[in-house]
């Protein structure tokens, strides 16, 4: 098991050496995508209740677009489809939020 982990890490380091720009791109995308949960946690703690801020959805879209670009570069069809569909869902959430806010004003 340890050998498998070490081999995987060695391959990841080698991949970073070969394509540093693309691997950095993936890292940034993943940091933004994962950071949305930290944002949600901080806002929920502040409000003392579970809450998903609108910025969560924007971070989801930005992170997904960056990761989609990475997976297009890697030609990973399953992940291309996954992130493309996710982007549509996140955009739809923003549309629903905007619609609700407009209705609340009237």
N, C-alpha and C. Protein backbone atom coordinates (compact mmCIF):
# COMPACT_ATOMS: atom_id res chain seq x y z
N UNK A 1 0.83 -1.19 0.00
CA UNK A 1 0.00 0.00 0.00
C UNK A 1 0.87 1.26 0.00
N UNK A 2 1.89 1.27 0.86
CA UNK A 2 2.80 2.41 0.94
C UNK A 2 3.51 2.62 -0.39
N UNK A 3 3.90 1.51 -1.04
CA UNK A 3 4.58 1.61 -2.34
C UNK A 3 3.67 2.25 -3.38
N UNK A 4 2.39 1.90 -3.36
CA UNK A 4 1.44 2.46 -4.32
C UNK A 4 1.32 3.97 -4.12
N UNK A 5 1.24 4.38 -2.86
CA UNK A 5 1.14 5.81 -2.54
C UNK A 5 2.39 6.54 -2.99
N UNK A 6 3.54 6.00 -2.68
CA UNK A 6 4.80 6.65 -3.05
C UNK A 6 4.97 6.70 -4.57
N UNK A 7 4.56 5.67 -5.27
CA UNK A 7 4.62 5.67 -6.73
C UNK A 7 3.70 6.74 -7.31
N UNK A 8 2.50 6.84 -6.74
CA UNK A 8 1.56 7.87 -7.19
C UNK A 8 2.10 9.27 -6.96
N UNK A 9 2.71 9.50 -5.81
CA UNK A 9 3.30 10.81 -5.52
C UNK A 9 4.47 11.10 -6.46
N UNK A 10 5.28 10.11 -6.73
CA UNK A 10 6.41 10.30 -7.65
C UNK A 10 5.91 10.65 -9.05
N UNK A 11 4.86 10.00 -9.48
CA UNK A 11 4.28 10.32 -10.80
C UNK A 11 3.71 11.74 -10.83
N UNK A 12 3.08 12.14 -9.72
CA UNK A 12 2.52 13.49 -9.65
C UNK A 12 3.62 14.54 -9.71
N UNK A 13 4.71 14.30 -9.01
CA UNK A 13 5.84 15.24 -9.03
C UNK A 13 6.44 15.30 -10.44
N UNK A 14 6.55 14.16 -11.08
CA UNK A 14 7.09 14.12 -12.45
C UNK A 14 6.17 14.86 -13.41
N UNK A 15 4.86 14.68 -13.24
CA UNK A 15 3.90 15.39 -14.09
C UNK A 15 4.02 16.89 -13.90
N UNK A 16 4.21 17.33 -12.67
CA UNK A 16 4.39 18.75 -12.39
C UNK A 16 5.66 19.27 -13.06
N UNK A 17 6.72 18.45 -13.07
CA UNK A 17 7.97 18.86 -13.71
C UNK A 17 7.78 18.98 -15.22
N UNK A 18 6.98 18.09 -15.81
CA UNK A 18 6.77 18.09 -17.26
C UNK A 18 5.86 19.24 -17.70
N UNK A 19 4.76 19.46 -16.96
CA UNK A 19 3.77 20.48 -17.34
C UNK A 19 3.46 21.40 -16.15
N UNK A 20 4.40 22.22 -15.73
CA UNK A 20 4.18 23.02 -14.53
C UNK A 20 3.01 24.01 -14.65
N UNK A 21 2.80 24.58 -15.82
CA UNK A 21 1.71 25.56 -15.98
C UNK A 21 0.36 24.86 -15.82
N UNK A 22 0.20 23.71 -16.48
CA UNK A 22 -1.09 23.02 -16.39
C UNK A 22 -1.33 22.45 -15.00
N UNK A 23 -0.31 21.95 -14.36
CA UNK A 23 -0.48 21.40 -13.02
C UNK A 23 -0.76 22.52 -12.01
N UNK A 24 -0.15 23.68 -12.21
CA UNK A 24 -0.45 24.83 -11.36
C UNK A 24 -1.88 25.29 -11.60
N UNK A 25 -2.31 25.28 -12.85
CA UNK A 25 -3.68 25.64 -13.19
C UNK A 25 -4.66 24.72 -12.45
N UNK A 26 -4.40 23.43 -12.48
CA UNK A 26 -5.27 22.47 -11.78
C UNK A 26 -5.27 22.74 -10.28
N UNK A 27 -4.11 23.04 -9.73
CA UNK A 27 -4.01 23.31 -8.30
C UNK A 27 -4.82 24.56 -7.93
N UNK A 28 -4.72 25.60 -8.72
CA UNK A 28 -5.48 26.84 -8.48
C UNK A 28 -6.98 26.56 -8.58
N UNK A 29 -7.38 25.84 -9.62
CA UNK A 29 -8.79 25.50 -9.78
C UNK A 29 -9.31 24.71 -8.59
N UNK A 30 -8.53 23.75 -8.15
CA UNK A 30 -8.94 22.93 -7.00
C UNK A 30 -8.98 23.75 -5.72
N UNK A 31 -8.04 24.70 -5.57
CA UNK A 31 -8.04 25.57 -4.39
C UNK A 31 -9.30 26.44 -4.35
N UNK A 32 -9.68 26.99 -5.48
CA UNK A 32 -10.90 27.80 -5.55
C UNK A 32 -12.12 26.93 -5.31
N UNK A 33 -12.17 25.79 -5.99
CA UNK A 33 -13.30 24.89 -5.86
C UNK A 33 -13.45 24.38 -4.43
N UNK A 34 -12.37 24.00 -3.81
CA UNK A 34 -12.41 23.54 -2.42
C UNK A 34 -12.61 24.67 -1.43
N UNK A 35 -12.11 25.84 -1.78
CA UNK A 35 -12.23 27.01 -0.89
C UNK A 35 -13.66 27.45 -0.66
N UNK A 36 -14.54 27.07 -1.57
CA UNK A 36 -15.95 27.44 -1.40
C UNK A 36 -16.54 26.82 -0.14
N UNK A 37 -16.06 25.63 0.23
CA UNK A 37 -16.56 25.00 1.45
C UNK A 37 -16.03 25.69 2.70
N UNK A 38 -14.82 26.21 2.63
CA UNK A 38 -14.28 26.98 3.75
C UNK A 38 -15.08 28.26 3.90
N UNK A 39 -15.39 28.92 2.79
CA UNK A 39 -16.22 30.12 2.82
C UNK A 39 -17.58 29.81 3.44
N UNK A 40 -18.21 28.74 2.99
CA UNK A 40 -19.53 28.36 3.50
C UNK A 40 -19.47 28.08 5.00
N UNK A 41 -18.44 27.43 5.44
CA UNK A 41 -18.26 27.11 6.86
C UNK A 41 -18.11 28.40 7.68
N UNK A 42 -17.27 29.32 7.21
CA UNK A 42 -17.04 30.57 7.93
C UNK A 42 -18.33 31.38 8.03
N UNK A 43 -19.04 31.51 6.92
CA UNK A 43 -20.29 32.28 6.91
C UNK A 43 -21.33 31.61 7.80
N UNK A 44 -21.41 30.29 7.76
CA UNK A 44 -22.36 29.58 8.63
C UNK A 44 -22.03 29.77 10.10
N UNK A 45 -20.76 29.73 10.44
CA UNK A 45 -20.35 29.97 11.83
C UNK A 45 -20.72 31.38 12.25
N UNK A 46 -20.50 32.34 11.39
CA UNK A 46 -20.82 33.73 11.69
C UNK A 46 -22.32 33.91 11.92
N UNK A 47 -23.13 33.25 11.07
CA UNK A 47 -24.59 33.37 11.17
C UNK A 47 -25.20 32.44 12.21
N UNK A 48 -24.40 31.50 12.72
CA UNK A 48 -24.87 30.51 13.70
C UNK A 48 -25.95 29.59 13.12
N UNK A 49 -25.91 29.37 11.81
CA UNK A 49 -26.80 28.44 11.13
C UNK A 49 -26.19 28.07 9.79
N UNK A 50 -26.60 26.92 9.27
CA UNK A 50 -26.09 26.52 7.96
C UNK A 50 -26.58 27.51 6.90
N UNK A 51 -25.63 28.01 6.11
CA UNK A 51 -25.96 29.02 5.12
C UNK A 51 -25.00 28.88 3.93
N UNK A 52 -25.55 28.99 2.73
CA UNK A 52 -24.73 28.95 1.51
C UNK A 52 -24.75 30.34 0.88
N UNK A 53 -23.65 31.08 0.99
CA UNK A 53 -23.61 32.42 0.40
C UNK A 53 -23.55 32.36 -1.12
N UNK A 54 -23.97 33.44 -1.77
CA UNK A 54 -23.95 33.51 -3.23
C UNK A 54 -22.52 33.33 -3.76
N UNK A 55 -21.55 33.83 -3.02
CA UNK A 55 -20.15 33.68 -3.45
C UNK A 55 -19.76 32.21 -3.60
N UNK A 56 -20.40 31.31 -2.86
CA UNK A 56 -20.16 29.88 -2.99
C UNK A 56 -20.39 29.43 -4.43
N UNK A 57 -21.48 29.91 -5.04
CA UNK A 57 -21.83 29.51 -6.40
C UNK A 57 -20.86 30.11 -7.41
N UNK A 58 -20.43 31.35 -7.18
CA UNK A 58 -19.45 31.95 -8.08
C UNK A 58 -18.10 31.23 -8.00
N UNK A 59 -17.70 30.87 -6.79
CA UNK A 59 -16.45 30.11 -6.63
C UNK A 59 -16.58 28.74 -7.29
N UNK A 60 -17.77 28.15 -7.21
CA UNK A 60 -18.01 26.85 -7.86
C UNK A 60 -17.82 26.97 -9.36
N UNK A 61 -18.37 28.03 -9.94
CA UNK A 61 -18.27 28.23 -11.39
C UNK A 61 -16.82 28.48 -11.80
N UNK A 62 -16.14 29.39 -11.10
CA UNK A 62 -14.76 29.72 -11.46
C UNK A 62 -13.86 28.49 -11.33
N UNK A 63 -13.96 27.80 -10.19
CA UNK A 63 -13.15 26.60 -10.00
C UNK A 63 -13.44 25.54 -11.04
N UNK A 64 -14.72 25.36 -11.36
CA UNK A 64 -15.11 24.35 -12.36
C UNK A 64 -14.60 24.71 -13.75
N UNK A 65 -14.65 25.98 -14.12
CA UNK A 65 -14.16 26.39 -15.43
C UNK A 65 -12.65 26.13 -15.54
N UNK A 66 -11.92 26.47 -14.49
CA UNK A 66 -10.47 26.23 -14.51
C UNK A 66 -10.18 24.74 -14.60
N UNK A 67 -10.88 23.94 -13.79
CA UNK A 67 -10.66 22.49 -13.83
C UNK A 67 -11.14 21.88 -15.15
N UNK A 68 -12.20 22.42 -15.71
CA UNK A 68 -12.66 21.95 -17.02
C UNK A 68 -11.57 22.18 -18.06
N UNK A 69 -10.95 23.35 -18.05
CA UNK A 69 -9.86 23.63 -18.99
C UNK A 69 -8.73 22.62 -18.82
N UNK A 70 -8.40 22.33 -17.57
CA UNK A 70 -7.34 21.36 -17.30
C UNK A 70 -7.70 19.98 -17.85
N UNK A 71 -8.93 19.55 -17.61
CA UNK A 71 -9.32 18.21 -18.06
C UNK A 71 -9.52 18.14 -19.57
N UNK A 72 -9.85 19.26 -20.21
CA UNK A 72 -9.86 19.29 -21.67
C UNK A 72 -8.43 19.08 -22.16
N UNK A 73 -7.49 19.77 -21.53
CA UNK A 73 -6.07 19.60 -21.90
C UNK A 73 -5.64 18.14 -21.72
N UNK A 74 -6.10 17.51 -20.64
CA UNK A 74 -5.73 16.12 -20.35
C UNK A 74 -6.55 15.12 -21.16
N UNK A 75 -7.58 15.61 -21.85
CA UNK A 75 -8.47 14.77 -22.66
C UNK A 75 -9.14 13.69 -21.81
N UNK A 76 -9.63 14.08 -20.65
CA UNK A 76 -10.31 13.16 -19.75
C UNK A 76 -11.82 13.34 -19.90
N UNK A 77 -12.42 12.53 -20.76
CA UNK A 77 -13.81 12.71 -21.13
C UNK A 77 -14.76 12.68 -19.94
N UNK A 78 -14.59 11.75 -19.03
CA UNK A 78 -15.49 11.65 -17.88
C UNK A 78 -15.47 12.93 -17.06
N UNK A 79 -14.30 13.49 -16.83
CA UNK A 79 -14.20 14.71 -16.02
C UNK A 79 -14.61 15.95 -16.81
N UNK A 80 -14.42 15.93 -18.12
CA UNK A 80 -14.91 17.04 -18.96
C UNK A 80 -16.43 17.10 -18.84
N UNK A 81 -17.08 15.98 -18.99
CA UNK A 81 -18.55 15.94 -18.88
C UNK A 81 -19.00 16.35 -17.49
N UNK A 82 -18.35 15.81 -16.47
CA UNK A 82 -18.73 16.11 -15.09
C UNK A 82 -18.66 17.60 -14.79
N UNK A 83 -17.56 18.24 -15.14
CA UNK A 83 -17.41 19.66 -14.82
C UNK A 83 -18.28 20.54 -15.71
N UNK A 84 -18.50 20.14 -16.95
CA UNK A 84 -19.38 20.92 -17.82
C UNK A 84 -20.81 20.91 -17.28
N UNK A 85 -21.28 19.76 -16.83
CA UNK A 85 -22.63 19.66 -16.26
C UNK A 85 -22.71 20.45 -14.95
N UNK A 86 -21.70 20.35 -14.13
CA UNK A 86 -21.69 21.09 -12.86
C UNK A 86 -21.81 22.59 -13.09
N UNK A 87 -21.12 23.10 -14.07
CA UNK A 87 -21.18 24.54 -14.36
C UNK A 87 -22.62 24.94 -14.66
N UNK A 88 -23.32 24.14 -15.44
CA UNK A 88 -24.72 24.44 -15.74
C UNK A 88 -25.57 24.47 -14.47
N UNK A 89 -25.34 23.55 -13.58
CA UNK A 89 -26.09 23.50 -12.32
C UNK A 89 -25.80 24.73 -11.47
N UNK A 90 -24.55 25.13 -11.38
CA UNK A 90 -24.19 26.30 -10.58
C UNK A 90 -24.78 27.57 -11.16
N UNK A 91 -24.75 27.70 -12.47
CA UNK A 91 -25.36 28.87 -13.12
C UNK A 91 -26.86 28.88 -12.85
N UNK A 92 -27.50 27.73 -12.94
CA UNK A 92 -28.94 27.64 -12.67
C UNK A 92 -29.25 28.07 -11.24
N UNK A 93 -28.43 27.70 -10.30
CA UNK A 93 -28.63 28.13 -8.91
C UNK A 93 -28.58 29.66 -8.81
N UNK A 94 -27.63 30.27 -9.51
CA UNK A 94 -27.54 31.74 -9.48
C UNK A 94 -28.77 32.38 -10.12
N UNK A 95 -29.27 31.78 -11.20
CA UNK A 95 -30.49 32.29 -11.84
C UNK A 95 -31.66 32.21 -10.86
N UNK A 96 -31.81 31.10 -10.17
CA UNK A 96 -32.90 30.95 -9.20
C UNK A 96 -32.77 31.94 -8.05
N UNK A 97 -31.56 32.18 -7.58
CA UNK A 97 -31.34 33.15 -6.50
C UNK A 97 -31.71 34.55 -6.97
N UNK A 98 -31.27 34.91 -8.16
CA UNK A 98 -31.59 36.23 -8.72
C UNK A 98 -33.10 36.40 -8.89
N UNK A 99 -33.76 35.37 -9.38
CA UNK A 99 -35.20 35.40 -9.57
C UNK A 99 -35.94 35.59 -8.23
N UNK A 100 -35.50 34.89 -7.21
CA UNK A 100 -36.11 35.01 -5.89
C UNK A 100 -35.92 36.42 -5.33
N UNK A 101 -34.74 36.98 -5.52
CA UNK A 101 -34.49 38.34 -5.03
C UNK A 101 -35.36 39.36 -5.73
N UNK A 102 -35.54 39.18 -7.05
CA UNK A 102 -36.43 40.11 -7.79
C UNK A 102 -37.86 39.99 -7.30
N UNK A 103 -38.32 38.78 -7.05
CA UNK A 103 -39.69 38.59 -6.57
C UNK A 103 -39.87 39.17 -5.16
N UNK A 104 -38.84 39.12 -4.36
CA UNK A 104 -38.94 39.65 -3.00
C UNK A 104 -39.05 41.18 -3.02
N UNK A 105 -38.50 41.81 -4.04
CA UNK A 105 -38.55 43.28 -4.15
C UNK A 105 -39.93 43.78 -4.57
N UNK A 106 -40.71 42.94 -5.24
CA UNK A 106 -42.02 43.38 -5.72
C UNK A 106 -43.12 43.06 -4.74
